[in-house]
């Protein structure tokens, strides 16, 4: 009986190995492994205030070993000054991406039909994405965006924003769910009145 169980186990292993060896991907690299040629581990967010108090400041995120390793060595809180008396304030956000000290923003701009920058996890009750740059197919890129701080006196005025650079080796749809993550920065923000 034990001999039959051992033989059955060996046959099952051999069958599994044969089944896996017959997989043929016809030389196609799956989307999940095609990361493109760019690597990023640092971003600088330049913020200017369009219609409120004079404001022009930069905030940095730097994770030398990338996602999944040690914590970022630089993760500055985005602090936005706005005029609560007059209501909503609009900000321009300009993102610059780097691999350590080497800036790659121009490379993203040049191949923008294959990249999208997603902004998630922020509190819609206190800050809203109102406009963004697009590629030649009128799909979101996200290097340059416009945000509006809302005048909600009873709302919490801080939170976290997840900024993700994604590469799409196939057709870009403009949705943030597709593509392969090149870099993710989780940055805290605060609106100051």
Protein backbone atom coordinates (compact mmCIF):
# COMPACT_ATOMS: atom_id res chain seq x y z
CA UNK A 1 0.00 0.00 0.00
CA UNK A 2 2.81 2.45 0.93
CA UNK A 3 4.56 1.57 -2.33
CA UNK A 4 1.42 2.49 -4.30
CA UNK A 5 1.12 5.87 -2.49
CA UNK A 6 4.78 6.70 -3.19
CA UNK A 7 4.34 5.77 -6.86
CA UNK A 8 1.19 7.89 -7.08
CA UNK A 9 3.01 10.85 -5.50
CA UNK A 10 5.94 10.55 -7.95
CA UNK A 11 3.53 10.36 -10.91
CA UNK A 12 1.71 13.48 -9.71
CA UNK A 13 5.00 15.43 -9.49
CA UNK A 14 6.10 14.28 -12.96
CA UNK A 15 2.69 15.22 -14.43
CA UNK A 16 2.90 18.70 -12.92
CA UNK A 17 6.40 19.24 -14.28
CA UNK A 18 5.38 18.11 -17.76
CA UNK A 19 2.30 20.34 -17.73
CA UNK A 20 4.39 23.37 -16.76
CA UNK A 21 7.08 22.67 -19.35
CA UNK A 22 4.45 22.68 -22.12
CA UNK A 23 3.39 26.26 -21.36
CA UNK A 24 4.23 28.42 -24.36
CA UNK A 25 4.05 32.17 -24.13
CA UNK A 26 5.12 32.60 -27.77
CA UNK A 27 7.91 34.91 -26.66
CA UNK A 28 5.48 37.47 -25.23
CA UNK A 29 6.52 39.13 -21.98
CA UNK A 30 3.55 39.36 -19.62
CA UNK A 31 2.43 42.91 -18.74
CA UNK A 32 3.22 42.27 -15.09
CA UNK A 33 6.94 41.86 -15.77
CA UNK A 34 7.49 44.50 -18.47
CA UNK A 35 8.65 47.53 -16.47
CA UNK A 36 10.04 49.54 -19.37
CA UNK A 37 13.52 51.05 -19.17
CA UNK A 38 13.03 53.70 -16.47
CA UNK A 39 13.67 53.21 -12.77
CA UNK A 40 12.65 55.83 -10.20
CA UNK A 41 13.18 56.06 -6.45
CA UNK A 42 12.90 59.79 -5.83
CA UNK A 43 10.42 62.55 -6.64
CA UNK A 44 10.27 66.26 -6.07
CA UNK A 45 6.86 67.92 -5.95
CA UNK A 46 6.92 71.63 -6.80
CA UNK A 47 3.80 73.46 -5.62
CA UNK A 48 2.65 76.96 -6.56
CA UNK A 49 -0.50 78.73 -5.41
CA UNK A 50 -2.55 80.14 -8.29
CA UNK A 51 -5.17 82.28 -6.55
CA UNK A 52 -4.31 82.50 -2.87
CA UNK A 53 -1.41 83.62 -0.71
CA UNK A 54 1.95 83.66 -2.51
CA UNK A 55 3.29 80.14 -2.24
CA UNK A 56 6.06 78.34 -4.11
CA UNK A 57 7.62 75.38 -2.37
CA UNK A 58 9.14 71.95 -3.09
CA UNK A 59 8.62 68.68 -1.21
CA UNK A 60 10.77 65.58 -1.63
CA UNK A 61 10.32 61.82 -1.33
CA UNK A 62 13.40 59.58 -1.61
CA UNK A 63 13.52 55.81 -1.10
CA UNK A 64 17.05 54.73 -2.15
CA UNK A 65 16.33 50.98 -2.16
CA UNK A 66 12.83 51.32 -3.65
CA UNK A 67 9.58 49.82 -2.43
CA UNK A 68 9.64 46.94 0.01
CA UNK A 69 13.04 47.59 1.56
CA UNK A 70 13.94 50.11 4.20
CA UNK A 71 11.76 53.15 4.88
CA UNK A 72 12.31 56.23 2.71
CA UNK A 73 15.23 58.38 3.86
CA UNK A 74 13.35 61.56 2.88
CA UNK A 75 9.56 61.91 3.08
CA UNK A 76 8.62 65.56 3.51
CA UNK A 77 5.11 66.50 4.52
CA UNK A 78 3.30 68.56 1.87
CA UNK A 79 2.15 71.70 3.67
CA UNK A 80 -0.20 73.93 1.67
CA UNK A 81 -1.08 77.45 2.82
CA UNK A 82 -4.47 78.64 1.68
CA UNK A 83 -6.81 81.51 2.35
CA UNK A 84 -9.77 80.18 4.35
CA UNK A 85 -11.43 83.61 4.33
CA UNK A 86 -11.94 83.79 0.56
CA UNK A 87 -12.77 80.12 0.09
CA UNK A 88 -11.18 77.69 -2.30
CA UNK A 89 -7.50 77.97 -3.22
CA UNK A 90 -5.99 76.42 -6.35
CA UNK A 91 -2.50 74.92 -6.53
CA UNK A 92 -0.32 73.72 -9.39
CA UNK A 93 1.59 70.51 -8.66
CA UNK A 94 4.59 69.74 -10.87
CA UNK A 95 6.28 66.35 -10.39
CA UNK A 96 9.91 65.60 -11.20
CA UNK A 97 11.12 61.98 -11.05
CA UNK A 98 14.68 60.75 -10.45
CA UNK A 99 16.76 57.60 -10.17
CA UNK A 100 18.89 58.79 -7.24
CA UNK A 101 20.36 62.08 -8.58
CA UNK A 102 19.64 61.41 -12.30
CA UNK A 103 16.43 63.16 -13.40
CA UNK A 104 14.20 61.06 -15.68
CA UNK A 105 11.22 63.43 -16.02
CA UNK A 106 12.11 64.31 -19.64
CA UNK A 107 12.18 60.58 -20.48
CA UNK A 108 8.68 60.15 -19.04
CA UNK A 109 7.52 63.22 -20.96
CA UNK A 110 9.02 61.85 -24.19
CA UNK A 111 7.26 58.47 -23.79
CA UNK A 112 4.13 59.80 -22.06
CA UNK A 113 1.83 57.52 -24.06
CA UNK A 114 3.28 54.67 -21.96
CA UNK A 115 3.18 56.32 -18.51
CA UNK A 116 0.55 57.52 -16.06
CA UNK A 117 0.93 59.13 -12.66
CA UNK A 118 -1.87 58.25 -10.28
CA UNK A 119 -2.90 60.24 -7.19
CA UNK A 120 -4.89 58.27 -4.64
CA UNK A 121 -5.92 58.01 -1.01
CA UNK A 122 -6.31 61.75 -0.41
CA UNK A 123 -9.35 63.21 1.36
CA UNK A 124 -11.81 64.47 -1.28
CA UNK A 125 -13.44 66.67 1.36
CA UNK A 126 -10.39 68.92 1.66
CA UNK A 127 -8.44 68.68 -1.61
CA UNK A 128 -9.58 67.79 -5.13
CA UNK A 129 -7.73 67.06 -8.37
CA UNK A 130 -9.29 69.41 -10.95
CA UNK A 131 -6.99 69.21 -14.01
CA UNK A 132 -3.99 67.28 -15.36
CA UNK A 133 -1.70 67.15 -18.38
CA UNK A 134 -2.51 64.66 -21.15
CA UNK A 135 -0.71 62.71 -23.86
CA UNK A 136 -1.33 62.81 -27.63
CA UNK A 137 -4.34 60.50 -27.18
CA UNK A 138 -5.90 62.89 -24.61
CA UNK A 139 -5.24 60.44 -21.77
CA UNK A 140 -3.92 61.45 -18.34
CA UNK A 141 -0.17 61.71 -17.76
CA UNK A 142 -0.16 63.49 -14.38
CA UNK A 143 3.23 65.22 -14.30
CA UNK A 144 1.45 68.59 -14.06
CA UNK A 145 -1.80 68.76 -12.13
CA UNK A 146 -4.11 71.36 -10.65
CA UNK A 147 -5.64 70.92 -7.20
CA UNK A 148 -8.26 72.85 -5.29
CA UNK A 149 -8.24 73.11 -1.50
CA UNK A 150 -11.79 73.30 -0.22
CA UNK A 151 -12.92 75.65 2.49
CA UNK A 152 -14.48 73.15 4.88
CA UNK A 153 -13.96 74.59 8.39
CA UNK A 154 -15.27 71.45 10.11
CA UNK A 155 -13.20 68.98 8.10
CA UNK A 156 -9.85 67.45 8.95
CA UNK A 157 -7.24 69.32 6.95
CA UNK A 158 -4.58 66.67 6.69
CA UNK A 159 -4.15 63.24 5.20
CA UNK A 160 -1.98 61.08 2.99
CA UNK A 161 -1.59 61.13 -0.76
CA UNK A 162 -0.27 58.13 -2.68
CA UNK A 163 1.54 59.15 -5.88
CA UNK A 164 2.31 56.25 -8.23
CA UNK A 165 4.28 56.26 -11.48
CA UNK A 166 3.09 53.42 -13.70
CA UNK A 167 4.37 52.01 -16.98
CA UNK A 168 1.95 50.55 -19.54
CA UNK A 169 3.59 48.37 -22.19
CA UNK A 170 0.29 47.81 -23.97
CA UNK A 171 -2.51 50.18 -24.84
CA UNK A 172 -2.98 52.97 -22.31
CA UNK A 173 -6.58 53.45 -21.17
CA UNK A 174 -6.10 56.38 -18.80
CA UNK A 175 -7.11 54.27 -15.78
CA UNK A 176 -4.81 53.88 -12.80
CA UNK A 177 -5.55 50.20 -12.29
CA UNK A 178 -3.58 49.08 -15.34
CA UNK A 179 0.18 49.04 -15.72
CA UNK A 180 3.24 48.16 -13.69
CA UNK A 181 4.30 50.26 -10.72
CA UNK A 182 7.67 51.95 -11.24
CA UNK A 183 7.51 54.00 -8.05
CA UNK A 184 5.07 54.77 -5.24
CA UNK A 185 5.40 57.65 -2.79
CA UNK A 186 3.07 57.89 0.21
CA UNK A 187 3.30 61.51 1.31
CA UNK A 188 1.44 63.17 4.18
CA UNK A 189 -0.16 66.54 3.52
CA UNK A 190 -1.67 69.34 5.57
CA UNK A 191 -3.70 72.38 4.63
CA UNK A 192 -2.86 75.44 6.72
CA UNK A 193 -5.25 78.36 7.02
